[in-house]
């Protein structure tokens, strides 16, 4: 079988279905849309950051959670980790081209949520009064 046909067969077998229990896309979706994944990707859409800078930008995340989140995002090809040749060595995180695409969707969602907060707060108030 020619290599191109083999690649096409492999791609067909790897069709993602986030609703399927064992589909790898579900884990990636969870990483991307989890509290820290969303915020890390949105922050990295603004600029590349060193770890400490990113931790300050994503207020409230623990060092451990940010480290785990960045590792998962790097594993999925959304974040790149670059070791800078300085003394002492420093590490910088940035988005890959795939990460830029994902972050674009997330930042659109963030902007939508932020711009509609008055309506959300009004709904919360109504819910609290009526329950």
Protein backbone atom coordinates (compact mmCIF):
# COMPACT_ATOMS: atom_id res chain seq x y z
CA UNK A 1 0.00 0.00 0.00
CA UNK A 2 1.47 3.42 -0.93
CA UNK A 3 2.45 5.66 1.99
CA UNK A 4 -0.16 8.34 1.10
CA UNK A 5 -2.94 5.71 1.22
CA UNK A 6 -1.67 4.42 4.55
CA UNK A 7 -1.71 7.97 5.98
CA UNK A 8 -5.26 8.49 4.71
CA UNK A 9 -6.36 5.22 6.37
CA UNK A 10 -4.74 6.23 9.65
CA UNK A 11 -6.43 9.66 9.52
CA UNK A 12 -9.80 8.06 8.80
CA UNK A 13 -9.36 5.77 11.80
CA UNK A 14 -8.53 8.76 13.99
CA UNK A 15 -11.71 10.73 13.31
CA UNK A 16 -12.50 12.56 16.52
CA UNK A 17 -15.83 12.31 18.31
CA UNK A 18 -15.81 14.22 21.58
CA UNK A 19 -19.01 12.44 22.63
CA UNK A 20 -17.31 9.03 22.49
CA UNK A 21 -16.06 7.95 25.90
CA UNK A 22 -12.58 6.87 24.78
CA UNK A 23 -11.92 9.58 22.20
CA UNK A 24 -8.69 11.51 22.82
CA UNK A 25 -10.45 14.73 21.79
CA UNK A 26 -12.40 14.65 25.05
CA UNK A 27 -9.21 14.93 27.12
CA UNK A 28 -7.92 17.77 24.93
CA UNK A 29 -11.25 19.59 25.21
CA UNK A 30 -11.13 19.22 28.98
CA UNK A 31 -7.59 20.62 29.11
CA UNK A 32 -8.41 23.55 26.83
CA UNK A 33 -11.71 24.47 28.47
CA UNK A 34 -10.70 23.88 32.07
CA UNK A 35 -10.37 26.99 34.21
CA UNK A 36 -6.59 27.23 33.94
CA UNK A 37 -6.32 26.08 30.32
CA UNK A 38 -8.63 28.83 29.09
CA UNK A 39 -6.82 31.49 31.06
CA UNK A 40 -3.33 30.30 30.15
CA UNK A 41 -4.15 30.16 26.44
CA UNK A 42 -5.84 33.58 26.53
CA UNK A 43 -2.86 35.11 28.33
CA UNK A 44 -0.42 33.55 25.88
CA UNK A 45 -2.51 35.01 23.04
CA UNK A 46 -1.45 38.43 24.39
CA UNK A 47 2.26 37.66 24.56
CA UNK A 48 4.89 35.04 25.31
CA UNK A 49 5.53 34.74 29.03
CA UNK A 50 8.08 33.27 31.35
CA UNK A 51 6.55 30.97 33.97
CA UNK A 52 6.48 33.49 36.83
CA UNK A 53 5.06 36.21 34.59
CA UNK A 54 2.34 33.89 33.37
CA UNK A 55 1.51 32.86 36.91
CA UNK A 56 1.09 36.51 37.90
CA UNK A 57 -1.05 37.16 34.79
CA UNK A 58 -3.33 34.19 35.58
CA UNK A 59 -4.17 35.40 39.05
CA UNK A 60 -5.04 32.65 41.52
CA UNK A 61 -3.41 29.65 39.81
CA UNK A 62 -0.99 27.65 41.92
CA UNK A 63 2.48 26.89 40.63
CA UNK A 64 1.62 23.19 40.49
CA UNK A 65 -1.63 23.67 38.55
CA UNK A 66 -0.04 26.05 36.06
CA UNK A 67 2.84 23.63 35.51
CA UNK A 68 0.44 20.70 34.93
CA UNK A 69 -1.73 22.80 32.61
CA UNK A 70 1.23 23.98 30.54
CA UNK A 71 2.54 20.42 30.25
CA UNK A 72 -0.85 19.19 29.01
CA UNK A 73 -1.14 22.08 26.54
CA UNK A 74 2.40 21.42 25.31
CA UNK A 75 1.65 17.68 24.97
CA UNK A 76 -1.34 18.52 22.77
CA UNK A 77 0.70 20.84 20.56
CA UNK A 78 -0.94 24.08 21.67
CA UNK A 79 1.92 25.61 23.68
CA UNK A 80 5.63 25.74 22.98
CA UNK A 81 8.27 25.79 25.69
CA UNK A 82 11.54 27.53 24.81
CA UNK A 83 14.63 27.39 27.02
CA UNK A 84 16.41 30.73 26.73
CA UNK A 85 20.21 30.59 26.78
CA UNK A 86 20.73 33.00 29.62
CA UNK A 87 22.48 32.64 32.93
CA UNK A 88 20.60 31.32 34.77
CA UNK A 89 18.59 29.60 32.02
CA UNK A 90 15.01 30.82 31.66
CA UNK A 91 11.99 29.21 30.06
CA UNK A 92 9.45 31.05 27.94
CA UNK A 93 6.02 29.81 26.88
CA UNK A 94 4.19 30.78 23.72
CA UNK A 95 1.44 29.54 21.46
CA UNK A 96 2.01 27.22 18.53
CA UNK A 97 0.06 27.92 15.33
CA UNK A 98 -2.56 25.40 16.51
CA UNK A 99 -2.63 27.10 19.92
CA UNK A 100 -3.20 30.47 18.24
CA UNK A 101 -6.28 29.06 16.50
CA UNK A 102 -7.69 27.65 19.74
CA UNK A 103 -6.88 30.84 21.67
CA UNK A 104 -8.70 32.90 19.04
CA UNK A 105 -11.91 31.00 19.76
CA UNK A 106 -11.41 31.25 23.50
CA UNK A 107 -10.69 34.97 23.49
CA UNK A 108 -13.86 35.50 21.45
CA UNK A 109 -15.81 33.61 24.11
CA UNK A 110 -14.12 35.56 26.90
CA UNK A 111 -14.98 38.87 25.22
CA UNK A 112 -18.59 37.72 24.77
CA UNK A 113 -18.90 36.74 28.44
CA UNK A 114 -17.27 39.94 29.69
CA UNK A 115 -19.48 42.16 27.51
CA UNK A 116 -22.64 40.38 28.67
CA UNK A 117 -21.91 40.40 32.41
CA UNK A 118 -24.59 43.00 33.23
CA UNK A 119 -27.22 40.63 31.83
CA UNK A 120 -25.67 37.67 33.66
CA UNK A 121 -25.59 39.54 36.96
CA UNK A 122 -29.22 40.56 36.49
CA UNK A 123 -30.14 36.91 35.87
CA UNK A 124 -28.24 35.83 38.98
CA UNK A 125 -30.06 38.42 41.07
CA UNK A 126 -33.42 37.26 39.69
CA UNK A 127 -32.52 33.62 40.38
CA UNK A 128 -31.52 34.41 43.96
CA UNK A 129 -34.77 36.34 44.59
CA UNK A 130 -36.98 33.60 43.19
CA UNK A 131 -35.40 30.52 44.75
